[in-house]
Amino acid sequence: METTIEQGSLLHKVELALDSIRPYMETDGGNIKIVEITPDMVVKVELTGNCGTCPMSTMTMKAGVEQAILKMVPEIVSVVAIN
């Protein structure tokens, strides 16, 4: 099990990955927030604003959000939206 410091570092890296794509989401009136990073290295996120109801949100998740996180944080195994 990870220590609090390791979890904080992991959370910080995921936030940095999200910051790299967040401006594109904000342009469309949306955003994203981390809900949880599970012990099995799955990031759970919530798409907010227009991104939460957009019909293209599945593509945004796979082509944008998940790829950005997996590229910058190789410890993560997958990313799922809870909404």
C-alpha atoms as a PDB file:
ATOM      1  CA  MET A   1       0.000   0.000   0.000  1.00  0.00           C
ATOM      2  CA  GLU A   2       1.259   3.466  -0.827  1.00  0.00           C
ATOM      3  CA  THR A   3       2.227   5.979   1.800  1.00  0.00           C
ATOM      4  CA  THR A   4       0.472   9.318   2.080  1.00  0.00           C
ATOM      5  CA  ILE A   5       3.478  11.033   0.468  1.00  0.00           C
ATOM      6  CA  GLU A   6       3.422   8.626  -2.502  1.00  0.00           C
ATOM      7  CA  GLN A   7      -0.339   9.112  -2.901  1.00  0.00           C
ATOM      8  CA  GLY A   8       0.120  12.887  -2.813  1.00  0.00           C
ATOM      9  CA  SER A   9       2.851  12.702  -5.437  1.00  0.00           C
ATOM     10  CA  LEU A  10       0.683  10.497  -7.646  1.00  0.00           C
ATOM     11  CA  LEU A  11      -2.259  12.860  -7.262  1.00  0.00           C
ATOM     12  CA  HIS A  12      -0.008  15.795  -8.159  1.00  0.00           C
ATOM     13  CA  LYS A  13       1.216  14.046 -11.331  1.00  0.00           C
ATOM     14  CA  VAL A  14      -2.341  13.246 -12.404  1.00  0.00           C
ATOM     15  CA  GLU A  15      -3.359  16.882 -11.786  1.00  0.00           C
ATOM     16  CA  LEU A  16      -0.446  18.039 -13.967  1.00  0.00           C
ATOM     17  CA  ALA A  17      -1.603  15.705 -16.728  1.00  0.00           C
ATOM     18  CA  LEU A  18      -5.132  17.094 -16.467  1.00  0.00           C
ATOM     19  CA  ASP A  19      -3.778  20.645 -16.505  1.00  0.00           C
ATOM     20  CA  SER A  20      -2.288  19.910 -19.930  1.00  0.00           C
ATOM     21  CA  ILE A  21      -5.743  19.276 -21.424  1.00  0.00           C
ATOM     22  CA  ARG A  22      -7.929  21.366 -19.132  1.00  0.00           C
ATOM     23  CA  PRO A  23      -7.727  24.533 -21.320  1.00  0.00           C
ATOM     24  CA  TYR A  24      -9.338  22.638 -24.205  1.00  0.00           C
ATOM     25  CA  MET A  25     -12.172  21.480 -21.997  1.00  0.00           C
ATOM     26  CA  GLU A  26     -12.661  24.965 -20.564  1.00  0.00           C
ATOM     27  CA  THR A  27     -12.936  26.375 -24.096  1.00  0.00           C
ATOM     28  CA  ASP A  28     -16.070  24.263 -24.500  1.00  0.00           C
ATOM     29  CA  GLY A  29     -17.463  25.261 -21.093  1.00  0.00           C
ATOM     30  CA  GLY A  30     -16.393  22.151 -19.246  1.00  0.00           C
ATOM     31  CA  ASN A  31     -13.815  20.875 -16.837  1.00  0.00           C
ATOM     32  CA  ILE A  32     -12.717  17.736 -15.031  1.00  0.00           C
ATOM     33  CA  LYS A  33     -11.985  16.811 -11.440  1.00  0.00           C
ATOM     34  CA  ILE A  34     -10.360  13.818  -9.816  1.00  0.00           C
ATOM     35  CA  VAL A  35     -12.731  11.880  -7.608  1.00  0.00           C
ATOM     36  CA  GLU A  36     -10.396   9.100  -6.521  1.00  0.00           C
ATOM     37  CA  ILE A  37      -7.268   7.155  -7.330  1.00  0.00           C
ATOM     38  CA  THR A  38      -7.987   3.585  -6.305  1.00  0.00           C
ATOM     39  CA  PRO A  39      -5.419   1.208  -4.764  1.00  0.00           C
ATOM     40  CA  ASP A  40      -5.350  -0.692  -8.080  1.00  0.00           C
ATOM     41  CA  MET A  41      -4.259   2.527  -9.870  1.00  0.00           C
ATOM     42  CA  VAL A  42      -7.519   3.470 -11.554  1.00  0.00           C
ATOM     43  CA  VAL A  43      -8.259   7.179 -11.719  1.00  0.00           C
ATOM     44  CA  LYS A  44     -11.925   8.043 -11.297  1.00  0.00           C
ATOM     45  CA  VAL A  45     -12.847  11.444 -12.666  1.00  0.00           C
ATOM     46  CA  GLU A  46     -15.958  13.538 -13.031  1.00  0.00           C
ATOM     47  CA  LEU A  47     -16.552  15.578 -16.152  1.00  0.00           C
ATOM     48  CA  THR A  48     -18.197  18.854 -15.190  1.00  0.00           C
ATOM     49  CA  GLY A  49     -19.961  21.699 -16.958  1.00  0.00           C
ATOM     50  CA  ASN A  50     -20.703  21.109 -20.622  1.00  0.00           C
ATOM     51  CA  CYS A  51     -18.325  18.130 -20.672  1.00  0.00           C
ATOM     52  CA  GLY A  52     -20.579  16.258 -18.253  1.00  0.00           C
ATOM     53  CA  THR A  53     -23.483  16.202 -20.700  1.00  0.00           C
ATOM     54  CA  CYS A  54     -21.670  16.316 -24.037  1.00  0.00           C
ATOM     55  CA  PRO A  55     -22.382  13.449 -26.442  1.00  0.00           C
ATOM     56  CA  MET A  56     -18.673  13.443 -27.333  1.00  0.00           C
ATOM     57  CA  SER A  57     -17.572  12.932 -23.722  1.00  0.00           C
ATOM     58  CA  THR A  58     -16.677   9.266 -24.298  1.00  0.00           C
ATOM     59  CA  MET A  59     -14.272  10.262 -27.043  1.00  0.00           C
ATOM     60  CA  THR A  60     -12.893  13.081 -24.886  1.00  0.00           C
ATOM     61  CA  MET A  61     -12.247  10.564 -22.120  1.00  0.00           C
ATOM     62  CA  LYS A  62     -10.424   8.008 -24.267  1.00  0.00           C
ATOM     63  CA  ALA A  63      -8.611  10.223 -26.764  1.00  0.00           C
ATOM     64  CA  GLY A  64      -7.848  13.120 -24.453  1.00  0.00           C
ATOM     65  CA  VAL A  65      -8.079  12.560 -20.737  1.00  0.00           C
ATOM     66  CA  GLU A  66      -7.003   8.920 -20.502  1.00  0.00           C
ATOM     67  CA  GLN A  67      -4.151   9.309 -22.996  1.00  0.00           C
ATOM     68  CA  ALA A  68      -2.794  12.412 -21.254  1.00  0.00           C
ATOM     69  CA  ILE A  69      -2.802  10.696 -17.867  1.00  0.00           C
ATOM     70  CA  LEU A  70      -1.345   7.390 -19.076  1.00  0.00           C
ATOM     71  CA  LYS A  71       1.422   9.223 -20.933  1.00  0.00           C
ATOM     72  CA  MET A  72       2.459  11.380 -17.978  1.00  0.00           C
ATOM     73  CA  VAL A  73       1.722   8.912 -15.161  1.00  0.00           C
ATOM     74  CA  PRO A  74       2.620   5.374 -16.287  1.00  0.00           C
ATOM     75  CA  GLU A  75       1.710   3.937 -12.870  1.00  0.00           C
ATOM     76  CA  ILE A  76      -1.959   4.492 -13.711  1.00  0.00           C
ATOM     77  CA  VAL A  77      -3.644   1.562 -15.463  1.00  0.00           C
ATOM     78  CA  SER A  78      -6.920   3.188 -16.535  1.00  0.00           C
ATOM     79  CA  VAL A  79      -9.150   6.218 -16.248  1.00  0.00           C
ATOM     80  CA  VAL A  80     -12.925   6.070 -15.842  1.00  0.00           C
ATOM     81  CA  ALA A  81     -15.575   8.754 -15.710  1.00  0.00           C
ATOM     82  CA  ILE A  82     -18.139   8.320 -12.948  1.00  0.00           C
ATOM     83  CA  ASN A  83     -20.783  10.372 -14.760  1.00  0.00           C
END
